[in-house]
């Protein structure tokens, strides 16, 4: 659980930096990163891609998922 929060926070912060230019705040970054991790895991599973189960693989999957989540939120807001 602690690793999920840490990886989610890092992934959410990175996604916020890449997609918006700044983060959303630590709590929202963690939430976006954790939900993005689940979304990224599902997305990569649907494509049949396995990055790995280590720290770096989890971070990449969560980052991609968080970026997709931010993109979807922006798409719905328009």
PDB file of N, CA and C in Angstrom:
ATOM      1  N   UNK A   1       0.821  -1.200   0.000  1.00  0.00           N
ATOM      2  CA  UNK A   1       0.000   0.000   0.000  1.00  0.00           C
ATOM      3  C   UNK A   1       0.861   1.257   0.000  1.00  0.00           C
ATOM      4  N   UNK A   2       1.924   1.254   0.780  1.00  0.00           N
ATOM      5  CA  UNK A   2       2.816   2.421   0.827  1.00  0.00           C
ATOM      6  C   UNK A   2       3.491   2.619  -0.528  1.00  0.00           C
ATOM      7  N   UNK A   3       3.939   1.520  -1.158  1.00  0.00           N
ATOM      8  CA  UNK A   3       4.590   1.639  -2.470  1.00  0.00           C
ATOM      9  C   UNK A   3       3.614   2.162  -3.514  1.00  0.00           C
ATOM     10  N   UNK A   4       2.358   1.762  -3.416  1.00  0.00           N
ATOM     11  CA  UNK A   4       1.336   2.256  -4.347  1.00  0.00           C
ATOM     12  C   UNK A   4       1.195   3.767  -4.226  1.00  0.00           C
ATOM     13  N   UNK A   5       1.188   4.264  -3.006  1.00  0.00           N
ATOM     14  CA  UNK A   5       1.062   5.702  -2.791  1.00  0.00           C
ATOM     15  C   UNK A   5       2.310   6.430  -3.274  1.00  0.00           C
ATOM     16  N   UNK A   6       3.486   5.875  -2.995  1.00  0.00           N
ATOM     17  CA  UNK A   6       4.736   6.517  -3.428  1.00  0.00           C
ATOM     18  C   UNK A   6       4.839   6.538  -4.949  1.00  0.00           C
ATOM     19  N   UNK A   7       4.620   5.382  -5.579  1.00  0.00           N
ATOM     20  CA  UNK A   7       4.690   5.321  -7.043  1.00  0.00           C
ATOM     21  C   UNK A   7       3.592   6.181  -7.660  1.00  0.00           C
ATOM     22  N   UNK A   8       2.380   6.145  -7.080  1.00  0.00           N
ATOM     23  CA  UNK A   8       1.282   6.976  -7.569  1.00  0.00           C
ATOM     24  C   UNK A   8       1.601   8.455  -7.472  1.00  0.00           C
ATOM     25  N   UNK A   9       2.210   8.855  -6.355  1.00  0.00           N
ATOM     26  CA  UNK A   9       2.585  10.261  -6.191  1.00  0.00           C
ATOM     27  C   UNK A   9       3.610  10.712  -7.212  1.00  0.00           C
ATOM     28  N   UNK A  10       4.611   9.876  -7.424  1.00  0.00           N
ATOM     29  CA  UNK A  10       5.650  10.216  -8.408  1.00  0.00           C
ATOM     30  C   UNK A  10       5.061  10.255  -9.811  1.00  0.00           C
ATOM     31  N   UNK A  11       4.275   9.235 -10.159  1.00  0.00           N
ATOM     32  CA  UNK A  11       3.674   9.185 -11.495  1.00  0.00           C
ATOM     33  C   UNK A  11       2.699  10.341 -11.717  1.00  0.00           C
ATOM     34  N   UNK A  12       1.899  10.652 -10.710  1.00  0.00           N
ATOM     35  CA  UNK A  12       0.955  11.765 -10.832  1.00  0.00           C
ATOM     36  C   UNK A  12       1.666  13.093 -10.984  1.00  0.00           C
ATOM     37  N   UNK A  13       2.740  13.275 -10.205  1.00  0.00           N
ATOM     38  CA  UNK A  13       3.520  14.511 -10.311  1.00  0.00           C
ATOM     39  C   UNK A  13       4.163  14.626 -11.693  1.00  0.00           C
ATOM     40  N   UNK A  14       4.780  13.542 -12.176  1.00  0.00           N
ATOM     41  CA  UNK A  14       5.404  13.562 -13.500  1.00  0.00           C
ATOM     42  C   UNK A  14       4.367  13.829 -14.594  1.00  0.00           C
ATOM     43  N   UNK A  15       3.220  13.185 -14.502  1.00  0.00           N
ATOM     44  CA  UNK A  15       2.166  13.398 -15.500  1.00  0.00           C
ATOM     45  C   UNK A  15       1.684  14.843 -15.469  1.00  0.00           C
ATOM     46  N   UNK A  16       1.552  15.399 -14.281  1.00  0.00           N
ATOM     47  CA  UNK A  16       1.152  16.803 -14.163  1.00  0.00           C
ATOM     48  C   UNK A  16       2.176  17.729 -14.792  1.00  0.00           C
ATOM     49  N   UNK A  17       3.462  17.412 -14.612  1.00  0.00           N
ATOM     50  CA  UNK A  17       4.523  18.217 -15.208  1.00  0.00           C
ATOM     51  C   UNK A  17       4.508  18.105 -16.731  1.00  0.00           C
ATOM     52  N   UNK A  18       4.293  16.894 -17.233  1.00  0.00           N
ATOM     53  CA  UNK A  18       4.321  16.674 -18.681  1.00  0.00           C
ATOM     54  C   UNK A  18       3.075  17.197 -19.384  1.00  0.00           C
ATOM     55  N   UNK A  19       1.925  17.053 -18.760  1.00  0.00           N
ATOM     56  CA  UNK A  19       0.672  17.404 -19.425  1.00  0.00           C
ATOM     57  C   UNK A  19       0.214  18.841 -19.178  1.00  0.00           C
ATOM     58  N   UNK A  20       0.590  19.402 -18.070  1.00  0.00           N
ATOM     59  CA  UNK A  20       0.037  20.697 -17.713  1.00  0.00           C
ATOM     60  C   UNK A  20       1.121  21.728 -17.469  1.00  0.00           C
ATOM     61  N   UNK A  21       2.325  21.263 -17.203  1.00  0.00           N
ATOM     62  CA  UNK A  21       3.398  22.187 -16.913  1.00  0.00           C
ATOM     63  C   UNK A  21       3.607  22.392 -15.431  1.00  0.00           C
ATOM     64  N   UNK A  22       2.649  21.977 -14.614  1.00  0.00           N
ATOM     65  CA  UNK A  22       2.786  22.025 -13.169  1.00  0.00           C
ATOM     66  C   UNK A  22       1.905  20.944 -12.575  1.00  0.00           C
ATOM     67  N   UNK A  23       2.161  20.591 -11.339  1.00  0.00           N
ATOM     68  CA  UNK A  23       1.381  19.553 -10.679  1.00  0.00           C
ATOM     69  C   UNK A  23       0.029  20.066 -10.217  1.00  0.00           C
ATOM     70  N   UNK A  24      -0.764  19.162  -9.678  1.00  0.00           N
ATOM     71  CA  UNK A  24      -2.099  19.509  -9.190  1.00  0.00           C
ATOM     72  C   UNK A  24      -2.125  19.686  -7.684  1.00  0.00           C
ATOM     73  N   UNK A  25      -1.030  19.468  -7.017  1.00  0.00           N
ATOM     74  CA  UNK A  25      -0.983  19.421  -5.564  1.00  0.00           C
ATOM     75  C   UNK A  25      -0.726  17.986  -5.145  1.00  0.00           C
ATOM     76  N   UNK A  26      -0.114  17.783  -4.032  1.00  0.00           N
ATOM     77  CA  UNK A  26       0.360  16.457  -3.654  1.00  0.00           C
ATOM     78  C   UNK A  26      -0.768  15.436  -3.531  1.00  0.00           C
ATOM     79  N   UNK A  27      -1.888  15.798  -2.955  1.00  0.00           N
ATOM     80  CA  UNK A  27      -2.985  14.848  -2.769  1.00  0.00           C
ATOM     81  C   UNK A  27      -3.586  14.444  -4.115  1.00  0.00           C
ATOM     82  N   UNK A  28      -3.864  15.413  -4.958  1.00  0.00           N
ATOM     83  CA  UNK A  28      -4.448  15.117  -6.272  1.00  0.00           C
ATOM     84  C   UNK A  28      -3.440  14.379  -7.145  1.00  0.00           C
ATOM     85  N   UNK A  29      -2.144  14.722  -7.046  1.00  0.00           N
ATOM     86  CA  UNK A  29      -1.116  13.995  -7.791  1.00  0.00           C
ATOM     87  C   UNK A  29      -1.101  12.518  -7.398  1.00  0.00           C
ATOM     88  N   UNK A  30      -1.208  12.242  -6.108  1.00  0.00           N
ATOM     89  CA  UNK A  30      -1.227  10.850  -5.653  1.00  0.00           C
ATOM     90  C   UNK A  30      -2.470  10.135  -6.173  1.00  0.00           C
ATOM     91  N   UNK A  31      -3.610  10.787  -6.084  1.00  0.00           N
ATOM     92  CA  UNK A  31      -4.853  10.172  -6.565  1.00  0.00           C
ATOM     93  C   UNK A  31      -4.783   9.901  -8.064  1.00  0.00           C
ATOM     94  N   UNK A  32      -4.329  10.884  -8.831  1.00  0.00           N
ATOM     95  CA  UNK A  32      -4.190  10.711 -10.286  1.00  0.00           C
ATOM     96  C   UNK A  32      -3.201   9.590 -10.589  1.00  0.00           C
ATOM     97  N   UNK A  33      -2.103   9.529  -9.853  1.00  0.00           N
ATOM     98  CA  UNK A  33      -1.107   8.485 -10.084  1.00  0.00           C
ATOM     99  C   UNK A  33      -1.619   7.093  -9.750  1.00  0.00           C
ATOM    100  N   UNK A  34      -2.346   6.950  -8.644  1.00  0.00           N
ATOM    101  CA  UNK A  34      -2.876   5.640  -8.262  1.00  0.00           C
ATOM    102  C   UNK A  34      -3.944   5.182  -9.254  1.00  0.00           C
ATOM    103  N   UNK A  35      -4.883   6.064  -9.579  1.00  0.00           N
ATOM    104  CA  UNK A  35      -5.902   5.713 -10.576  1.00  0.00           C
ATOM    105  C   UNK A  35      -5.244   5.476 -11.930  1.00  0.00           C
ATOM    106  N   UNK A  36      -4.237   6.279 -12.254  1.00  0.00           N
ATOM    107  CA  UNK A  36      -3.493   6.082 -13.497  1.00  0.00           C
ATOM    108  C   UNK A  36      -2.765   4.748 -13.529  1.00  0.00           C
ATOM    109  N   UNK A  37      -2.286   4.303 -12.373  1.00  0.00           N
ATOM    110  CA  UNK A  37      -1.651   2.985 -12.307  1.00  0.00           C
ATOM    111  C   UNK A  37      -2.628   1.875 -12.650  1.00  0.00           C
ATOM    112  N   UNK A  38      -3.835   1.974 -12.107  1.00  0.00           N
ATOM    113  CA  UNK A  38      -4.860   0.984 -12.445  1.00  0.00           C
ATOM    114  C   UNK A  38      -5.241   1.074 -13.919  1.00  0.00           C
ATOM    115  N   UNK A  39      -5.424   2.289 -14.413  1.00  0.00           N
ATOM    116  CA  UNK A  39      -5.781   2.495 -15.816  1.00  0.00           C
ATOM    117  C   UNK A  39      -4.667   2.009 -16.737  1.00  0.00           C
ATOM    118  N   UNK A  40      -3.432   2.336 -16.388  1.00  0.00           N
ATOM    119  CA  UNK A  40      -2.292   1.891 -17.192  1.00  0.00           C
ATOM    120  C   UNK A  40      -2.146   0.383 -17.184  1.00  0.00           C
ATOM    121  N   UNK A  41      -2.367  -0.250 -16.018  1.00  0.00           N
ATOM    122  CA  UNK A  41      -2.307  -1.711 -15.947  1.00  0.00           C
ATOM    123  C   UNK A  41      -3.358  -2.357 -16.829  1.00  0.00           C
ATOM    124  N   UNK A  42      -4.565  -1.803 -16.809  1.00  0.00           N
ATOM    125  CA  UNK A  42      -5.629  -2.324 -17.665  1.00  0.00           C
ATOM    126  C   UNK A  42      -5.299  -2.102 -19.143  1.00  0.00           C
ATOM    127  N   UNK A  43      -4.825  -0.904 -19.466  1.00  0.00           N
ATOM    128  CA  UNK A  43      -4.520  -0.544 -20.849  1.00  0.00           C
ATOM    129  C   UNK A  43      -3.428  -1.441 -21.427  1.00  0.00           C
ATOM    130  N   UNK A  44      -2.334  -1.596 -20.687  1.00  0.00           N
ATOM    131  CA  UNK A  44      -1.246  -2.451 -21.154  1.00  0.00           C
ATOM    132  C   UNK A  44      -1.683  -3.908 -21.226  1.00  0.00           C
ATOM    133  N   UNK A  45      -2.542  -4.337 -20.300  1.00  0.00           N
ATOM    134  CA  UNK A  45      -3.074  -5.698 -20.345  1.00  0.00           C
ATOM    135  C   UNK A  45      -3.907  -5.939 -21.585  1.00  0.00           C
ATOM    136  N   UNK A  46      -4.717  -4.949 -21.971  1.00  0.00           N
ATOM    137  CA  UNK A  46      -5.537  -5.070 -23.177  1.00  0.00           C
ATOM    138  C   UNK A  46      -4.676  -5.158 -24.428  1.00  0.00           C
ATOM    139  N   UNK A  47      -3.532  -4.481 -24.401  1.00  0.00           N
ATOM    140  CA  UNK A  47      -2.624  -4.524 -25.553  1.00  0.00           C
ATOM    141  C   UNK A  47      -1.700  -5.738 -25.518  1.00  0.00           C
ATOM    142  N   UNK A  48      -1.707  -6.472 -24.409  1.00  0.00           N
ATOM    143  CA  UNK A  48      -0.841  -7.643 -24.284  1.00  0.00           C
ATOM    144  C   UNK A  48       0.612  -7.276 -24.030  1.00  0.00           C
ATOM    145  N   UNK A  49       0.847  -6.111 -23.472  1.00  0.00           N
ATOM    146  CA  UNK A  49       2.205  -5.643 -23.209  1.00  0.00           C
ATOM    147  C   UNK A  49       2.498  -5.819 -21.729  1.00  0.00           C
ATOM    148  N   UNK A  50       3.662  -6.425 -21.434  1.00  0.00           N
ATOM    149  CA  UNK A  50       4.090  -6.592 -20.046  1.00  0.00           C
ATOM    150  C   UNK A  50       5.421  -5.867 -19.873  1.00  0.00           C
ATOM    151  N   UNK A  51       5.411  -4.768 -19.134  1.00  0.00           N
ATOM    152  CA  UNK A  51       6.602  -3.946 -18.929  1.00  0.00           C
ATOM    153  C   UNK A  51       7.521  -4.581 -17.893  1.00  0.00           C
ATOM    154  N   UNK A  52       6.967  -5.161 -16.881  1.00  0.00           N
ATOM    155  CA  UNK A  52       7.733  -5.743 -15.785  1.00  0.00           C
ATOM    156  C   UNK A  52       7.047  -5.429 -14.473  1.00  0.00           C
ATOM    157  N   UNK A  53       7.446  -6.121 -13.440  1.00  0.00           N
ATOM    158  CA  UNK A  53       6.781  -5.923 -12.158  1.00  0.00           C
ATOM    159  C   UNK A  53       7.655  -5.175 -11.157  1.00  0.00           C
ATOM    160  N   UNK A  54       8.786  -4.688 -11.592  1.00  0.00           N
ATOM    161  CA  UNK A  54       9.676  -3.955 -10.709  1.00  0.00           C
ATOM    162  C   UNK A  54       9.238  -2.517 -10.519  1.00  0.00           C
ATOM    163  N   UNK A  55      10.047  -1.782  -9.807  1.00  0.00           N
ATOM    164  CA  UNK A  55       9.745  -0.387  -9.500  1.00  0.00           C
ATOM    165  C   UNK A  55       9.663   0.461 -10.763  1.00  0.00           C
ATOM    166  N   UNK A  56      10.622   0.317 -11.661  1.00  0.00           N
ATOM    167  CA  UNK A  56      10.626   1.104 -12.893  1.00  0.00           C
ATOM    168  C   UNK A  56       9.447   0.749 -13.790  1.00  0.00           C
ATOM    169  N   UNK A  57       9.140  -0.541 -13.921  1.00  0.00           N
ATOM    170  CA  UNK A  57       7.999  -0.962 -14.736  1.00  0.00           C
ATOM    171  C   UNK A  57       6.693  -0.426 -14.192  1.00  0.00           C
ATOM    172  N   UNK A  58       6.538  -0.487 -12.875  1.00  0.00           N
ATOM    173  CA  UNK A  58       5.320   0.039 -12.241  1.00  0.00           C
ATOM    174  C   UNK A  58       5.207   1.543 -12.447  1.00  0.00           C
ATOM    175  N   UNK A  59       6.320   2.230 -12.351  1.00  0.00           N
ATOM    176  CA  UNK A  59       6.317   3.685 -12.541  1.00  0.00           C
ATOM    177  C   UNK A  59       5.948   4.050 -13.974  1.00  0.00           C
ATOM    178  N   UNK A  60       6.468   3.329 -14.938  1.00  0.00           N
ATOM    179  CA  UNK A  60       6.156   3.604 -16.350  1.00  0.00           C
ATOM    180  C   UNK A  60       4.675   3.362 -16.623  1.00  0.00           C
ATOM    181  N   UNK A  61       4.156   2.234 -16.140  1.00  0.00           N
ATOM    182  CA  UNK A  61       2.733   1.917 -16.345  1.00  0.00           C
ATOM    183  C   UNK A  61       1.850   2.972 -15.689  1.00  0.00           C
ATOM    184  N   UNK A  62       2.185   3.358 -14.445  1.00  0.00           N
ATOM    185  CA  UNK A  62       1.393   4.369 -13.743  1.00  0.00           C
ATOM    186  C   UNK A  62       1.496   5.725 -14.435  1.00  0.00           C
ATOM    187  N   UNK A  63       2.664   6.065 -14.945  1.00  0.00           N
ATOM    188  CA  UNK A  63       2.842   7.342 -15.647  1.00  0.00           C
ATOM    189  C   UNK A  63       2.001   7.384 -16.919  1.00  0.00           C
ATOM    190  N   UNK A  64       2.048   6.324 -17.701  1.00  0.00           N
ATOM    191  CA  UNK A  64       1.250   6.280 -18.926  1.00  0.00           C
ATOM    192  C   UNK A  64      -0.241   6.347 -18.584  1.00  0.00           C
ATOM    193  N   UNK A  65      -0.647   5.609 -17.565  1.00  0.00           N
ATOM    194  CA  UNK A  65      -2.046   5.647 -17.142  1.00  0.00           C
ATOM    195  C   UNK A  65      -2.467   7.019 -16.643  1.00  0.00           C
ATOM    196  N   UNK A  66      -1.598   7.685 -15.887  1.00  0.00           N
ATOM    197  CA  UNK A  66      -1.915   9.029 -15.385  1.00  0.00           C
ATOM    198  C   UNK A  66      -2.016  10.028 -16.530  1.00  0.00           C
ATOM    199  N   UNK A  67      -1.142   9.913 -17.512  1.00  0.00           N
ATOM    200  CA  UNK A  67      -1.214  10.793 -18.680  1.00  0.00           C
ATOM    201  C   UNK A  67      -2.524  10.554 -19.433  1.00  0.00           C
ATOM    202  N   UNK A  68      -2.908   9.280 -19.598  1.00  0.00           N
ATOM    203  CA  UNK A  68      -4.189   8.974 -20.247  1.00  0.00           C
ATOM    204  C   UNK A  68      -5.355   9.536 -19.444  1.00  0.00           C
ATOM    205  N   UNK A  69      -5.289   9.421 -18.129  1.00  0.00           N
ATOM    206  CA  UNK A  69      -6.356   9.934 -17.279  1.00  0.00           C
ATOM    207  C   UNK A  69      -6.476  11.453 -17.397  1.00  0.00           C
ATOM    208  N   UNK A  70      -5.368  12.157 -17.368  1.00  0.00           N
ATOM    209  CA  UNK A  70      -5.404  13.618 -17.515  1.00  0.00           C
ATOM    210  C   UNK A  70      -5.964  13.997 -18.882  1.00  0.00           C
ATOM    211  N   UNK A  71      -5.553  13.282 -19.908  1.00  0.00           N
ATOM    212  CA  UNK A  71      -6.051  13.543 -21.260  1.00  0.00           C
ATOM    213  C   UNK A  71      -7.559  13.325 -21.329  1.00  0.00           C
ATOM    214  N   UNK A  72      -8.061  12.238 -20.710  1.00  0.00           N
ATOM    215  CA  UNK A  72      -9.499  11.957 -20.706  1.00  0.00           C
ATOM    216  C   UNK A  72     -10.271  13.017 -19.934  1.00  0.00           C
ATOM    217  N   UNK A  73      -9.715  13.463 -18.811  1.00  0.00           N
ATOM    218  CA  UNK A  73     -10.389  14.504 -18.030  1.00  0.00           C
ATOM    219  C   UNK A  73     -10.484  15.798 -18.836  1.00  0.00           C
ATOM    220  N   UNK A  74      -9.412  16.154 -19.518  1.00  0.00           N
ATOM    221  CA  UNK A  74      -9.444  17.363 -20.349  1.00  0.00           C
ATOM    222  C   UNK A  74     -10.415  17.220 -21.506  1.00  0.00           C
ATOM    223  N   UNK A  75     -10.511  16.025 -22.062  1.00  0.00           N
ATOM    224  CA  UNK A  75     -11.424  15.780 -23.167  1.00  0.00           C
ATOM    225  C   UNK A  75     -12.880  15.942 -22.709  1.00  0.00           C
ATOM    226  N   UNK A  76     -13.193  15.453 -21.522  1.00  0.00           N
ATOM    227  CA  UNK A  76     -14.556  15.551 -20.997  1.00  0.00           C
ATOM    228  C   UNK A  76     -14.874  16.986 -20.596  1.00  0.00           C
ATOM    229  N   UNK A  77     -13.900  17.719 -20.068  1.00  0.00           N
ATOM    230  CA  UNK A  77     -14.134  19.108 -19.655  1.00  0.00           C
ATOM    231  C   UNK A  77     -14.480  20.013 -20.814  1.00  0.00           C
ATOM    232  N   UNK A  78     -14.007  19.716 -21.987  1.00  0.00           N
ATOM    233  CA  UNK A  78     -14.299  20.552 -23.152  1.00  0.00           C
ATOM    234  C   UNK A  78     -15.716  20.344 -23.517  1.00  0.00           C
TER     235      UNK A  78
END
